[in-house]
PDB file of N, CA and C in Angstrom:
ATOM      1  N   MET A   1      49.065  29.845 -81.411  1.00  0.00           N
ATOM      2  CA  MET A   1      48.138  30.953 -81.229  1.00  0.00           C
ATOM      3  C   MET A   1      48.365  32.124 -82.089  1.00  0.00           C
ATOM      4  N   PHE A   2      49.636  32.540 -82.278  1.00  0.00           N
ATOM      5  CA  PHE A   2      49.994  33.618 -83.118  1.00  0.00           C
ATOM      6  C   PHE A   2      49.667  33.365 -84.525  1.00  0.00           C
ATOM      7  N   GLU A   3      49.913  32.170 -85.023  1.00  0.00           N
ATOM      8  CA  GLU A   3      49.517  31.824 -86.304  1.00  0.00           C
ATOM      9  C   GLU A   3      47.948  31.989 -86.556  1.00  0.00           C
ATOM     10  N   ASP A   4      47.207  31.587 -85.574  1.00  0.00           N
ATOM     11  CA  ASP A   4      45.748  31.741 -85.671  1.00  0.00           C
ATOM     12  C   ASP A   4      45.425  33.332 -85.734  1.00  0.00           C
ATOM     13  N   TRP A   5      45.995  34.019 -84.825  1.00  0.00           N
ATOM     14  CA  TRP A   5      45.817  35.478 -84.687  1.00  0.00           C
ATOM     15  C   TRP A   5      46.184  36.113 -86.082  1.00  0.00           C
ATOM     16  N   ILE A   6      47.263  35.852 -86.673  1.00  0.00           N
ATOM     17  CA  ILE A   6      47.780  36.413 -87.854  1.00  0.00           C
ATOM     18  C   ILE A   6      46.702  36.220 -88.986  1.00  0.00           C
ATOM     19  N   ALA A   7      46.374  34.881 -89.085  1.00  0.00           N
ATOM     20  CA  ALA A   7      45.410  34.473 -90.175  1.00  0.00           C
ATOM     21  C   ALA A   7      44.009  35.159 -90.087  1.00  0.00           C
ATOM     22  N   VAL A   8      43.568  35.216 -88.877  1.00  0.00           N
ATOM     23  CA  VAL A   8      42.233  35.903 -88.657  1.00  0.00           C
ATOM     24  C   VAL A   8      42.305  37.353 -88.724  1.00  0.00           C
ATOM     25  N   ALA A   9      43.372  37.985 -88.245  1.00  0.00           N
ATOM     26  CA  ALA A   9      43.554  39.438 -88.330  1.00  0.00           C
ATOM     27  C   ALA A   9      43.630  39.887 -89.740  1.00  0.00           C
ATOM     28  N   ALA A  10      44.177  39.006 -90.685  1.00  0.00           N
ATOM     29  CA  ALA A  10      44.293  39.345 -92.063  1.00  0.00           C
ATOM     30  C   ALA A  10      42.935  39.604 -92.748  1.00  0.00           C
ATOM     31  N   THR A  11      41.841  39.059 -92.194  1.00  0.00           N
ATOM     32  CA  THR A  11      40.523  39.298 -92.803  1.00  0.00           C
ATOM     33  C   THR A  11      39.569  39.956 -91.792  1.00  0.00           C
ATOM     34  N   SER A  12      39.976  40.204 -90.442  1.00  0.00           N
ATOM     35  CA  SER A  12      39.283  40.748 -89.467  1.00  0.00           C
ATOM     36  C   SER A  12      37.919  40.030 -89.184  1.00  0.00           C
ATOM     37  N   ASP A  13      37.930  38.725 -89.471  1.00  0.00           N
ATOM     38  CA  ASP A  13      36.813  37.895 -89.229  1.00  0.00           C
ATOM     39  C   ASP A  13      36.731  37.465 -87.794  1.00  0.00           C
ATOM     40  N   TYR A  14      36.057  38.249 -86.970  1.00  0.00           N
ATOM     41  CA  TYR A  14      35.955  38.018 -85.567  1.00  0.00           C
ATOM     42  C   TYR A  14      35.234  36.778 -85.147  1.00  0.00           C
ATOM     43  N   GLN A  15      34.516  36.172 -86.073  1.00  0.00           N
ATOM     44  CA  GLN A  15      33.630  35.093 -85.839  1.00  0.00           C
ATOM     45  C   GLN A  15      34.371  33.729 -86.198  1.00  0.00           C
ATOM     46  N   ASN A  16      35.585  33.795 -86.798  1.00  0.00           N
ATOM     47  CA  ASN A  16      36.195  32.696 -87.268  1.00  0.00           C
ATOM     48  C   ASN A  16      36.513  31.729 -86.080  1.00  0.00           C
ATOM     49  N   PRO A  17      36.149  30.455 -86.144  1.00  0.00           N
ATOM     50  CA  PRO A  17      36.452  29.480 -85.037  1.00  0.00           C
ATOM     51  C   PRO A  17      37.999  29.269 -84.757  1.00  0.00           C
ATOM     52  N   ARG A  18      38.667  29.721 -85.611  1.00  0.00           N
ATOM     53  CA  ARG A  18      40.142  29.435 -85.327  1.00  0.00           C
ATOM     54  C   ARG A  18      40.680  30.271 -84.240  1.00  0.00           C
ATOM     55  N   LEU A  19      39.988  31.360 -83.772  1.00  0.00           N
ATOM     56  CA  LEU A  19      40.347  32.137 -82.619  1.00  0.00           C
ATOM     57  C   LEU A  19      40.303  31.329 -81.344  1.00  0.00           C
ATOM     58  N   THR A  20      39.514  30.412 -81.222  1.00  0.00           N
ATOM     59  CA  THR A  20      39.450  29.464 -80.081  1.00  0.00           C
ATOM     60  C   THR A  20      40.307  28.274 -80.003  1.00  0.00           C
ATOM     61  N   GLN A  21      40.982  27.970 -81.112  1.00  0.00           N
ATOM     62  CA  GLN A  21      41.759  26.658 -81.196  1.00  0.00           C
ATOM     63  C   GLN A  21      42.971  26.706 -80.254  1.00  0.00           C
ATOM     64  N   HIS A  22      43.561  27.796 -80.075  1.00  0.00           N
ATOM     65  CA  HIS A  22      44.779  27.861 -79.367  1.00  0.00           C
ATOM     66  C   HIS A  22      44.846  28.952 -78.242  1.00  0.00           C
ATOM     67  N   ALA A  23      43.595  29.588 -77.979  1.00  0.00           N
ATOM     68  CA  ALA A  23      43.488  30.663 -77.023  1.00  0.00           C
ATOM     69  C   ALA A  23      42.277  30.461 -76.245  1.00  0.00           C
ATOM     70  N   SER A  24      42.304  30.828 -74.955  1.00  0.00           N
ATOM     71  CA  SER A  24      41.117  30.702 -74.088  1.00  0.00           C
ATOM     72  C   SER A  24      41.278  31.819 -73.051  1.00  0.00           C
ATOM     73  N   GLY A  25      40.248  31.908 -72.170  1.00  0.00           N
ATOM     74  CA  GLY A  25      40.211  32.841 -71.107  1.00  0.00           C
ATOM     75  C   GLY A  25      40.507  34.225 -71.517  1.00  0.00           C
ATOM     76  N   ASP A  26      41.241  35.006 -70.842  1.00  0.00           N
ATOM     77  CA  ASP A  26      41.501  36.400 -70.965  1.00  0.00           C
ATOM     78  C   ASP A  26      42.316  36.610 -72.349  1.00  0.00           C
ATOM     79  N   ALA A  27      43.177  35.547 -72.682  1.00  0.00           N
ATOM     80  CA  ALA A  27      43.861  35.776 -73.907  1.00  0.00           C
ATOM     81  C   ALA A  27      42.962  35.648 -75.144  1.00  0.00           C
ATOM     82  N   GLY A  28      42.022  34.721 -75.068  1.00  0.00           N
ATOM     83  CA  GLY A  28      41.045  34.584 -76.174  1.00  0.00           C
ATOM     84  C   GLY A  28      40.274  35.815 -76.249  1.00  0.00           C
ATOM     85  N   LEU A  29      39.789  36.339 -75.069  1.00  0.00           N
ATOM     86  CA  LEU A  29      39.030  37.604 -75.151  1.00  0.00           C
ATOM     87  C   LEU A  29      39.846  38.812 -75.729  1.00  0.00           C
ATOM     88  N   LEU A  30      41.181  38.966 -75.481  1.00  0.00           N
ATOM     89  CA  LEU A  30      41.946  39.935 -75.919  1.00  0.00           C
ATOM     90  C   LEU A  30      42.133  39.943 -77.463  1.00  0.00           C
ATOM     91  N   ILE A  31      42.326  38.697 -77.953  1.00  0.00           N
ATOM     92  CA  ILE A  31      42.492  38.489 -79.367  1.00  0.00           C
ATOM     93  C   ILE A  31      41.098  38.822 -80.151  1.00  0.00           C
ATOM     94  N   TYR A  32      40.141  38.270 -79.589  1.00  0.00           N
ATOM     95  CA  TYR A  32      38.785  38.449 -80.087  1.00  0.00           C
ATOM     96  C   TYR A  32      38.478  40.006 -80.233  1.00  0.00           C
ATOM     97  N   LYS A  33      38.628  40.727 -79.118  1.00  0.00           N
ATOM     98  CA  LYS A  33      38.402  42.130 -79.138  1.00  0.00           C
ATOM     99  C   LYS A  33      39.178  42.864 -80.177  1.00  0.00           C
ATOM    100  N   SER A  34      40.554  42.514 -80.253  1.00  0.00           N
ATOM    101  CA  SER A  34      41.422  43.113 -81.188  1.00  0.00           C
ATOM    102  C   SER A  34      40.933  42.913 -82.671  1.00  0.00           C
ATOM    103  N   VAL A  35      40.568  41.733 -82.974  1.00  0.00           N
ATOM    104  CA  VAL A  35      40.017  41.435 -84.298  1.00  0.00           C
ATOM    105  C   VAL A  35      38.632  42.045 -84.563  1.00  0.00           C
ATOM    106  N   TYR A  36      37.802  42.056 -83.434  1.00  0.00           N
ATOM    107  CA  TYR A  36      36.596  42.721 -83.626  1.00  0.00           C
ATOM    108  C   TYR A  36      36.621  44.124 -83.875  1.00  0.00           C
ATOM    109  N   LEU A  37      37.308  44.805 -83.068  1.00  0.00           N
ATOM    110  CA  LEU A  37      37.597  46.253 -83.218  1.00  0.00           C
ATOM    111  C   LEU A  37      38.146  46.662 -84.638  1.00  0.00           C
ATOM    112  N   ASN A  38      39.086  45.847 -85.107  1.00  0.00           N
ATOM    113  CA  ASN A  38      39.530  46.028 -86.427  1.00  0.00           C
ATOM    114  C   ASN A  38      38.409  45.911 -87.620  1.00  0.00           C
ATOM    115  N   HIS A  39      37.550  44.882 -87.426  1.00  0.00           N
ATOM    116  CA  HIS A  39      36.510  44.684 -88.187  1.00  0.00           C
ATOM    117  C   HIS A  39      35.535  45.918 -88.155  1.00  0.00           C
ATOM    118  N   ALA A  40      35.196  46.394 -86.971  1.00  0.00           N
ATOM    119  CA  ALA A  40      34.322  47.573 -86.741  1.00  0.00           C
ATOM    120  C   ALA A  40      34.893  48.812 -87.459  1.00  0.00           C
ATOM    121  N   ASP A  41      36.189  48.993 -87.339  1.00  0.00           N
ATOM    122  CA  ASP A  41      36.987  50.089 -88.042  1.00  0.00           C
ATOM    123  C   ASP A  41      37.191  49.881 -89.446  1.00  0.00           C
ATOM    124  N   GLY A  42      36.890  48.807 -90.075  1.00  0.00           N
ATOM    125  CA  GLY A  42      37.100  48.458 -91.481  1.00  0.00           C
ATOM    126  C   GLY A  42      38.589  48.393 -91.814  1.00  0.00           C
ATOM    127  N   VAL A  43      39.316  47.717 -90.835  1.00  0.00           N
ATOM    128  CA  VAL A  43      40.736  47.567 -91.252  1.00  0.00           C
ATOM    129  C   VAL A  43      41.089  46.106 -91.101  1.00  0.00           C
ATOM    130  N   VAL A  44      42.240  45.678 -91.698  1.00  0.00           N
ATOM    131  CA  VAL A  44      42.868  44.314 -91.620  1.00  0.00           C
ATOM    132  C   VAL A  44      44.325  44.581 -91.159  1.00  0.00           C
ATOM    133  N   THR A  45      44.851  43.584 -90.717  1.00  0.00           N
ATOM    134  CA  THR A  45      46.228  43.484 -90.321  1.00  0.00           C
ATOM    135  C   THR A  45      47.030  42.670 -91.289  1.00  0.00           C
ATOM    136  N   LYS A  46      48.004  43.253 -91.894  1.00  0.00           N
ATOM    137  CA  LYS A  46      48.837  42.584 -93.024  1.00  0.00           C
ATOM    138  C   LYS A  46      50.216  42.351 -92.422  1.00  0.00           C
ATOM    139  N   GLY A  47      50.770  41.272 -93.043  1.00  0.00           N
ATOM    140  CA  GLY A  47      52.133  40.933 -92.661  1.00  0.00           C
ATOM    141  C   GLY A  47      52.112  39.884 -91.486  1.00  0.00           C
ATOM    142  N   SER A  48      53.354  39.816 -90.849  1.00  0.00           N
ATOM    143  CA  SER A  48      53.486  38.869 -89.728  1.00  0.00           C
ATOM    144  C   SER A  48      54.460  39.428 -88.716  1.00  0.00           C
ATOM    145  N   PRO A  49      54.241  39.195 -87.430  1.00  0.00           N
ATOM    146  CA  PRO A  49      55.181  39.678 -86.468  1.00  0.00           C
ATOM    147  C   PRO A  49      56.309  38.619 -86.414  1.00  0.00           C
ATOM    148  N   VAL A  50      57.442  39.044 -85.984  1.00  0.00           N
ATOM    149  CA  VAL A  50      58.511  38.165 -85.763  1.00  0.00           C
ATOM    150  C   VAL A  50      58.550  37.712 -84.376  1.00  0.00           C
ATOM    151  N   ILE A  51      58.337  36.305 -84.082  1.00  0.00           N
ATOM    152  CA  ILE A  51      58.299  35.810 -82.717  1.00  0.00           C
ATOM    153  C   ILE A  51      59.376  34.884 -82.447  1.00  0.00           C
ATOM    154  N   SER A  52      59.786  34.820 -81.284  1.00  0.00           N
ATOM    155  CA  SER A  52      60.833  33.750 -80.755  1.00  0.00           C
ATOM    156  C   SER A  52      60.570  33.466 -79.266  1.00  0.00           C
ATOM    157  N   PRO A  53      59.383  32.747 -79.103  1.00  0.00           N
ATOM    158  CA  PRO A  53      58.912  32.458 -77.707  1.00  0.00           C
ATOM    159  C   PRO A  53      59.966  31.593 -77.031  1.00  0.00           C
ATOM    160  N   ARG A  54      59.933  31.847 -75.637  1.00  0.00           N
ATOM    161  CA  ARG A  54      60.931  30.963 -74.773  1.00  0.00           C
ATOM    162  C   ARG A  54      60.014  30.599 -73.475  1.00  0.00           C
ATOM    163  N   VAL A  55      60.030  29.311 -73.169  1.00  0.00           N
ATOM    164  CA  VAL A  55      59.318  28.894 -72.016  1.00  0.00           C
ATOM    165  C   VAL A  55      60.256  29.191 -70.845  1.00  0.00           C
ATOM    166  N   THR A  56      59.706  29.860 -69.860  1.00  0.00           N
ATOM    167  CA  THR A  56      60.486  30.227 -68.641  1.00  0.00           C
ATOM    168  C   THR A  56      59.939  29.498 -67.427  1.00  0.00           C
ATOM    169  N   ALA A  57      58.917  28.819 -67.410  1.00  0.00           N
ATOM    170  CA  ALA A  57      58.515  28.075 -66.165  1.00  0.00           C
ATOM    171  C   ALA A  57      57.476  26.988 -66.645  1.00  0.00           C
ATOM    172  N   VAL A  58      57.628  25.748 -65.981  1.00  0.00           N
ATOM    173  CA  VAL A  58      56.656  24.723 -66.295  1.00  0.00           C
ATOM    174  C   VAL A  58      56.222  24.127 -64.951  1.00  0.00           C
ATOM    175  N   GLY A  59      54.971  23.878 -64.740  1.00  0.00           N
ATOM    176  CA  GLY A  59      54.595  23.320 -63.363  1.00  0.00           C
ATOM    177  C   GLY A  59      53.083  23.172 -63.298  1.00  0.00           C
ATOM    178  N   PRO A  60      52.545  22.863 -62.171  1.00  0.00           N
ATOM    179  CA  PRO A  60      53.375  22.263 -61.070  1.00  0.00           C
ATOM    180  C   PRO A  60      53.530  20.818 -61.309  1.00  0.00           C
ATOM    181  N   VAL A  61      54.506  20.249 -60.526  1.00  0.00           N
ATOM    182  CA  VAL A  61      54.850  18.888 -60.707  1.00  0.00           C
ATOM    183  C   VAL A  61      53.725  18.171 -59.784  1.00  0.00           C
ATOM    184  N   PRO A  62      53.228  16.905 -60.158  1.00  0.00           N
ATOM    185  CA  PRO A  62      53.645  16.172 -61.249  1.00  0.00           C
ATOM    186  C   PRO A  62      52.923  16.402 -62.546  1.00  0.00           C
ATOM    187  N   GLU A  63      51.773  17.137 -62.626  1.00  0.00           N
ATOM    188  CA  GLU A  63      50.943  17.278 -63.791  1.00  0.00           C
ATOM    189  C   GLU A  63      51.557  18.051 -64.931  1.00  0.00           C
ATOM    190  N   ARG A  64      52.365  19.046 -64.482  1.00  0.00           N
ATOM    191  CA  ARG A  64      52.997  19.952 -65.501  1.00  0.00           C
ATOM    192  C   ARG A  64      51.920  20.363 -66.522  1.00  0.00           C
ATOM    193  N   ASP A  65      50.916  21.048 -65.996  1.00  0.00           N
ATOM    194  CA  ASP A  65      49.798  21.390 -66.859  1.00  0.00           C
ATOM    195  C   ASP A  65      49.784  22.940 -67.148  1.00  0.00           C
ATOM    196  N   ARG A  66      50.855  23.608 -66.838  1.00  0.00           N
ATOM    197  CA  ARG A  66      50.894  24.986 -67.115  1.00  0.00           C
ATOM    198  C   ARG A  66      52.328  25.457 -67.538  1.00  0.00           C
ATOM    199  N   ALA A  67      52.483  26.504 -68.348  1.00  0.00           N
ATOM    200  CA  ALA A  67      53.753  26.995 -68.630  1.00  0.00           C
ATOM    201  C   ALA A  67      53.701  28.434 -68.811  1.00  0.00           C
ATOM    202  N   THR A  68      54.716  29.088 -68.570  1.00  0.00           N
ATOM    203  CA  THR A  68      54.857  30.492 -68.787  1.00  0.00           C
ATOM    204  C   THR A  68      55.814  30.762 -69.946  1.00  0.00           C
ATOM    205  N   ILE A  69      55.407  31.552 -70.908  1.00  0.00           N
ATOM    206  CA  ILE A  69      56.270  31.850 -72.055  1.00  0.00           C
ATOM    207  C   ILE A  69      56.417  33.387 -72.182  1.00  0.00           C
ATOM    208  N   ILE A  70      57.656  33.732 -72.513  1.00  0.00           N
ATOM    209  CA  ILE A  70      57.923  35.191 -72.772  1.00  0.00           C
ATOM    210  C   ILE A  70      58.410  35.343 -74.191  1.00  0.00           C
ATOM    211  N   ASP A  71      58.263  36.527 -74.723  1.00  0.00           N
ATOM    212  CA  ASP A  71      58.878  36.834 -75.991  1.00  0.00           C
ATOM    213  C   ASP A  71      58.999  38.357 -76.090  1.00  0.00           C
ATOM    214  N   CYS A  72      59.867  38.644 -77.076  1.00  0.00           N
ATOM    215  CA  CYS A  72      60.114  40.135 -77.512  1.00  0.00           C
ATOM    216  C   CYS A  72      59.541  40.196 -78.969  1.00  0.00           C
ATOM    217  N   ILE A  73      58.285  40.326 -79.113  1.00  0.00           N
ATOM    218  CA  ILE A  73      57.722  40.411 -80.455  1.00  0.00           C
ATOM    219  C   ILE A  73      57.977  41.595 -81.298  1.00  0.00           C
ATOM    220  N   ASP A  74      58.465  41.414 -82.529  1.00  0.00           N
ATOM    221  CA  ASP A  74      58.729  42.607 -83.479  1.00  0.00           C
ATOM    222  C   ASP A  74      57.487  42.717 -84.309  1.00  0.00           C
ATOM    223  N   THR A  75      56.616  43.699 -84.243  1.00  0.00           N
ATOM    224  CA  THR A  75      55.516  43.923 -85.045  1.00  0.00           C
ATOM    225  C   THR A  75      55.741  44.961 -86.184  1.00  0.00           C
ATOM    226  N   THR A  76      57.007  45.143 -86.456  1.00  0.00           N
ATOM    227  CA  THR A  76      57.311  46.245 -87.507  1.00  0.00           C
ATOM    228  C   THR A  76      56.728  45.957 -88.787  1.00  0.00           C
ATOM    229  N   ASN A  77      56.496  44.593 -89.154  1.00  0.00           N
ATOM    230  CA  ASN A  77      55.906  44.167 -90.427  1.00  0.00           C
ATOM    231  C   ASN A  77      54.509  43.625 -90.121  1.00  0.00           C
ATOM    232  N   TRP A  78      53.777  43.962 -89.144  1.00  0.00           N
ATOM    233  CA  TRP A  78      52.451  43.547 -88.817  1.00  0.00           C
ATOM    234  C   TRP A  78      51.554  44.684 -88.517  1.00  0.00           C
ATOM    235  N   LEU A  79      51.029  45.403 -89.502  1.00  0.00           N
ATOM    236  CA  LEU A  79      50.318  46.594 -89.251  1.00  0.00           C
ATOM    237  C   LEU A  79      48.933  46.616 -89.888  1.00  0.00           C
ATOM    238  N   ASN A  80      48.168  47.593 -89.424  1.00  0.00           N
ATOM    239  CA  ASN A  80      46.740  47.649 -89.844  1.00  0.00           C
ATOM    240  C   ASN A  80      46.668  48.615 -91.091  1.00  0.00           C
ATOM    241  N   TYR A  81      45.701  48.057 -92.026  1.00  0.00           N
ATOM    242  CA  TYR A  81      45.528  48.703 -93.286  1.00  0.00           C
ATOM    243  C   TYR A  81      43.994  48.975 -93.526  1.00  0.00           C
ATOM    244  N   THR A  82      43.684  50.045 -94.158  1.00  0.00           N
ATOM    245  CA  THR A  82      42.402  50.278 -94.470  1.00  0.00           C
ATOM    246  C   THR A  82      41.903  49.366 -95.614  1.00  0.00           C
ATOM    247  N   GLN A  83      40.609  49.341 -95.967  1.00  0.00           N
ATOM    248  CA  GLN A  83      40.100  48.507 -97.034  1.00  0.00           C
ATOM    249  C   GLN A  83      40.595  48.916 -98.350  1.00  0.00           C
ATOM    250  N   ASN A  84      41.055  50.206 -98.615  1.00  0.00           N
ATOM    251  CA  ASN A  84      41.756  50.686 -99.859  1.00  0.00           C
ATOM    252  C   ASN A  84      43.211  50.384 -99.849  1.00  0.00           C
ATOM    253  N   GLY A  85      43.755  49.818 -98.810  1.00  0.00           N
ATOM    254  CA  GLY A  85      45.174  49.340 -98.896  1.00  0.00           C
ATOM    255  C   GLY A  85      46.167  50.290 -98.277  1.00  0.00           C
ATOM    256  N   ASP A  86      45.659  51.418 -97.789  1.00  0.00           N
ATOM    257  CA  ASP A  86      46.512  52.461 -97.114  1.00  0.00           C
ATOM    258  C   ASP A  86      46.731  52.024 -95.614  1.00  0.00           C
ATOM    259  N   LEU A  87      47.902  52.407 -95.082  1.00  0.00           N
ATOM    260  CA  LEU A  87      48.056  52.213 -93.626  1.00  0.00           C
ATOM    261  C   LEU A  87      47.030  52.872 -92.855  1.00  0.00           C
ATOM    262  N   GLN A  88      46.537  52.246 -91.878  1.00  0.00           N
ATOM    263  CA  GLN A  88      45.493  52.947 -91.015  1.00  0.00           C
ATOM    264  C   GLN A  88      45.982  54.255 -90.411  1.00  0.00           C
ATOM    265  N   ASP A  89      47.256  54.252 -89.907  1.00  0.00           N
ATOM    266  CA  ASP A  89      47.868  55.403 -89.208  1.00  0.00           C
ATOM    267  C   ASP A  89      49.333  55.430 -89.384  1.00  0.00           C
ATOM    268  N   GLU A  90      49.925  56.429 -88.915  1.00  0.00           N
ATOM    269  CA  GLU A  90      51.382  56.545 -89.073  1.00  0.00           C
ATOM    270  C   GLU A  90      52.200  55.854 -87.800  1.00  0.00           C
ATOM    271  N   THR A  91      51.452  55.161 -86.963  1.00  0.00           N
ATOM    272  CA  THR A  91      52.101  54.466 -85.906  1.00  0.00           C
ATOM    273  C   THR A  91      52.976  53.340 -86.397  1.00  0.00           C
ATOM    274  N   PRO A  92      54.218  53.367 -86.180  1.00  0.00           N
ATOM    275  CA  PRO A  92      55.046  52.208 -86.571  1.00  0.00           C
ATOM    276  C   PRO A  92      54.890  50.912 -85.693  1.00  0.00           C
ATOM    277  N   GLY A  93      55.188  49.937 -86.211  1.00  0.00           N
ATOM    278  CA  GLY A  93      55.260  48.746 -85.316  1.00  0.00           C
ATOM    279  C   GLY A  93      56.592  48.759 -84.644  1.00  0.00           C
ATOM    280  N   GLY A  94      56.875  47.712 -83.878  1.00  0.00           N
ATOM    281  CA  GLY A  94      58.199  47.731 -83.180  1.00  0.00           C
ATOM    282  C   GLY A  94      58.138  46.524 -82.167  1.00  0.00           C
ATOM    283  N   ARG A  95      59.141  46.628 -81.199  1.00  0.00           N
ATOM    284  CA  ARG A  95      59.382  45.492 -80.355  1.00  0.00           C
ATOM    285  C   ARG A  95      58.525  45.688 -79.019  1.00  0.00           C
ATOM    286  N   ARG A  96      57.882  44.660 -78.669  1.00  0.00           N
ATOM    287  CA  ARG A  96      57.020  44.691 -77.502  1.00  0.00           C
ATOM    288  C   ARG A  96      57.249  43.345 -76.650  1.00  0.00           C
ATOM    289  N   PHE A  97      57.323  43.578 -75.340  1.00  0.00           N
ATOM    290  CA  PHE A  97      57.446  42.455 -74.457  1.00  0.00           C
ATOM    291  C   PHE A  97      56.081  41.775 -74.283  1.00  0.00           C
ATOM    292  N   VAL A  98      56.160  40.459 -74.445  1.00  0.00           N
ATOM    293  CA  VAL A  98      54.853  39.667 -74.307  1.00  0.00           C
ATOM    294  C   VAL A  98      55.209  38.521 -73.372  1.00  0.00           C
ATOM    295  N   GLN A  99      54.135  38.374 -72.513  1.00  0.00           N
ATOM    296  CA  GLN A  99      54.212  37.132 -71.556  1.00  0.00           C
ATOM    297  C   GLN A  99      52.864  36.451 -71.553  1.00  0.00           C
ATOM    298  N   ALA A 100      52.914  35.104 -71.608  1.00  0.00           N
ATOM    299  CA  ALA A 100      51.797  34.322 -71.692  1.00  0.00           C
ATOM    300  C   ALA A 100      51.732  33.163 -70.657  1.00  0.00           C
ATOM    301  N   LEU A 101      50.472  32.844 -70.141  1.00  0.00           N
ATOM    302  CA  LEU A 101      50.290  31.658 -69.343  1.00  0.00           C
ATOM    303  C   LEU A 101      49.546  30.680 -70.215  1.00  0.00           C
ATOM    304  N   VAL A 102      50.095  29.502 -70.466  1.00  0.00           N
ATOM    305  CA  VAL A 102      49.637  28.419 -71.177  1.00  0.00           C
ATOM    306  C   VAL A 102      49.044  27.308 -70.331  1.00  0.00           C
ATOM    307  N   LEU A 103      47.893  26.934 -70.594  1.00  0.00           N
ATOM    308  CA  LEU A 103      47.357  25.807 -69.749  1.00  0.00           C
ATOM    309  C   LEU A 103      47.043  24.492 -70.705  1.00  0.00           C
ATOM    310  N   ARG A 104      47.228  23.372 -70.114  1.00  0.00           N
ATOM    311  CA  ARG A 104      46.973  22.132 -70.806  1.00  0.00           C
ATOM    312  C   ARG A 104      45.712  21.489 -70.290  1.00  0.00           C
ATOM    313  N   THR A 105      44.842  21.103 -71.157  1.00  0.00           N
ATOM    314  CA  THR A 105      43.708  20.382 -70.890  1.00  0.00           C
ATOM    315  C   THR A 105      43.688  19.101 -71.713  1.00  0.00           C
ATOM    316  N   GLY A 106      43.923  17.958 -71.055  1.00  0.00           N
ATOM    317  CA  GLY A 106      44.084  16.759 -71.823  1.00  0.00           C
ATOM    318  C   GLY A 106      45.386  16.941 -72.676  1.00  0.00           C
ATOM    319  N   GLU A 107      45.277  16.797 -73.976  1.00  0.00           N
ATOM    320  CA  GLU A 107      46.471  16.886 -74.793  1.00  0.00           C
ATOM    321  C   GLU A 107      46.536  18.179 -75.485  1.00  0.00           C
ATOM    322  N   THR A 108      45.719  19.128 -75.202  1.00  0.00           N
ATOM    323  CA  THR A 108      45.541  20.464 -75.854  1.00  0.00           C
ATOM    324  C   THR A 108      46.132  21.551 -74.985  1.00  0.00           C
ATOM    325  N   TRP A 109      47.118  22.304 -75.502  1.00  0.00           N
ATOM    326  CA  TRP A 109      47.693  23.523 -74.807  1.00  0.00           C
ATOM    327  C   TRP A 109      46.989  24.779 -75.472  1.00  0.00           C
ATOM    328  N   LYS A 110      46.501  25.710 -74.533  1.00  0.00           N
ATOM    329  CA  LYS A 110      45.972  26.952 -74.961  1.00  0.00           C
ATOM    330  C   LYS A 110      46.476  28.126 -74.217  1.00  0.00           C
ATOM    331  N   VAL A 111      46.674  29.165 -74.811  1.00  0.00           N
ATOM    332  CA  VAL A 111      47.172  30.455 -74.178  1.00  0.00           C
ATOM    333  C   VAL A 111      45.943  30.974 -73.533  1.00  0.00           C
ATOM    334  N   ASP A 112      46.160  31.111 -72.173  1.00  0.00           N
ATOM    335  CA  ASP A 112      44.913  31.509 -71.364  1.00  0.00           C
ATOM    336  C   ASP A 112      45.051  32.969 -70.917  1.00  0.00           C
ATOM    337  N   GLN A 113      46.189  33.465 -70.588  1.00  0.00           N
ATOM    338  CA  GLN A 113      46.485  34.723 -70.293  1.00  0.00           C
ATOM    339  C   GLN A 113      47.646  35.287 -71.063  1.00  0.00           C
ATOM    340  N   LEU A 114      47.375  36.558 -71.643  1.00  0.00           N
ATOM    341  CA  LEU A 114      48.337  37.126 -72.486  1.00  0.00           C
ATOM    342  C   LEU A 114      48.541  38.613 -72.189  1.00  0.00           C
ATOM    343  N   VAL A 115      49.723  39.025 -71.941  1.00  0.00           N
ATOM    344  CA  VAL A 115      50.087  40.491 -71.660  1.00  0.00           C
ATOM    345  C   VAL A 115      50.950  40.911 -72.830  1.00  0.00           C
ATOM    346  N   VAL A 116      50.462  41.902 -73.581  1.00  0.00           N
ATOM    347  CA  VAL A 116      51.311  42.521 -74.677  1.00  0.00           C
ATOM    348  C   VAL A 116      51.467  43.848 -74.305  1.00  0.00           C
ATOM    349  N   GLN A 117      52.754  44.151 -74.042  1.00  0.00           N
ATOM    350  CA  GLN A 117      53.075  45.596 -73.520  1.00  0.00           C
ATOM    351  C   GLN A 117      53.324  46.552 -74.697  1.00  0.00           C
ATOM    352  N   ALA A 118      53.510  47.721 -74.324  1.00  0.00           N
ATOM    353  CA  ALA A 118      53.633  48.943 -75.356  1.00  0.00           C
ATOM    354  C   ALA A 118      54.888  48.690 -76.183  1.00  0.00           C
ATOM    355  N   LEU A 119      54.984  49.486 -77.360  1.00  0.00           N
ATOM    356  CA  LEU A 119      56.081  49.531 -78.120  1.00  0.00           C
ATOM    357  C   LEU A 119      57.325  49.982 -77.373  1.00  0.00           C
ATOM    358  N   GLY A 120      58.507  49.337 -77.643  1.00  0.00           N
ATOM    359  CA  GLY A 120      59.713  49.743 -77.019  1.00  0.00           C
ATOM    360  C   GLY A 120      60.056  49.124 -75.718  1.00  0.00           C
ATOM    361  N   THR A 121      59.198  48.115 -75.297  1.00  0.00           N
ATOM    362  CA  THR A 121      59.374  47.562 -73.892  1.00  0.00           C
ATOM    363  C   THR A 121      60.334  46.396 -73.888  1.00  0.00           C
ATOM    364  N   CYS A 122      61.030  46.138 -75.073  1.00  0.00           N
ATOM    365  CA  CYS A 122      62.036  45.201 -75.039  1.00  0.00           C
ATOM    366  C   CYS A 122      63.048  45.432 -76.260  1.00  0.00           C
TER     367      CYS A 122
END
């Protein structure tokens, strides 16, 4: 999901079908809104966050069709830039606590709920 978000945010193409490949529900809407607002503001997001997700729960048995994942994402090098290449603002990136609920439909896993907390939360 983050690879999709990074790629689409680099162009702010909110209509890119890649947005729905690994995200659905509230998570898909959150990512879509983020990319759409960047598009509307004329900015793109350059770089990549540093992620190291960890599965903290899987269930329910026997289907095991959902998982909870947490991470402390470092967005220091994933920032918004204007079309002329300048930083959008002086707000630095940093570490944020992230929690996701991932659901499986058939053989496909998608992030369905995503909570990205404020800078400095981990």
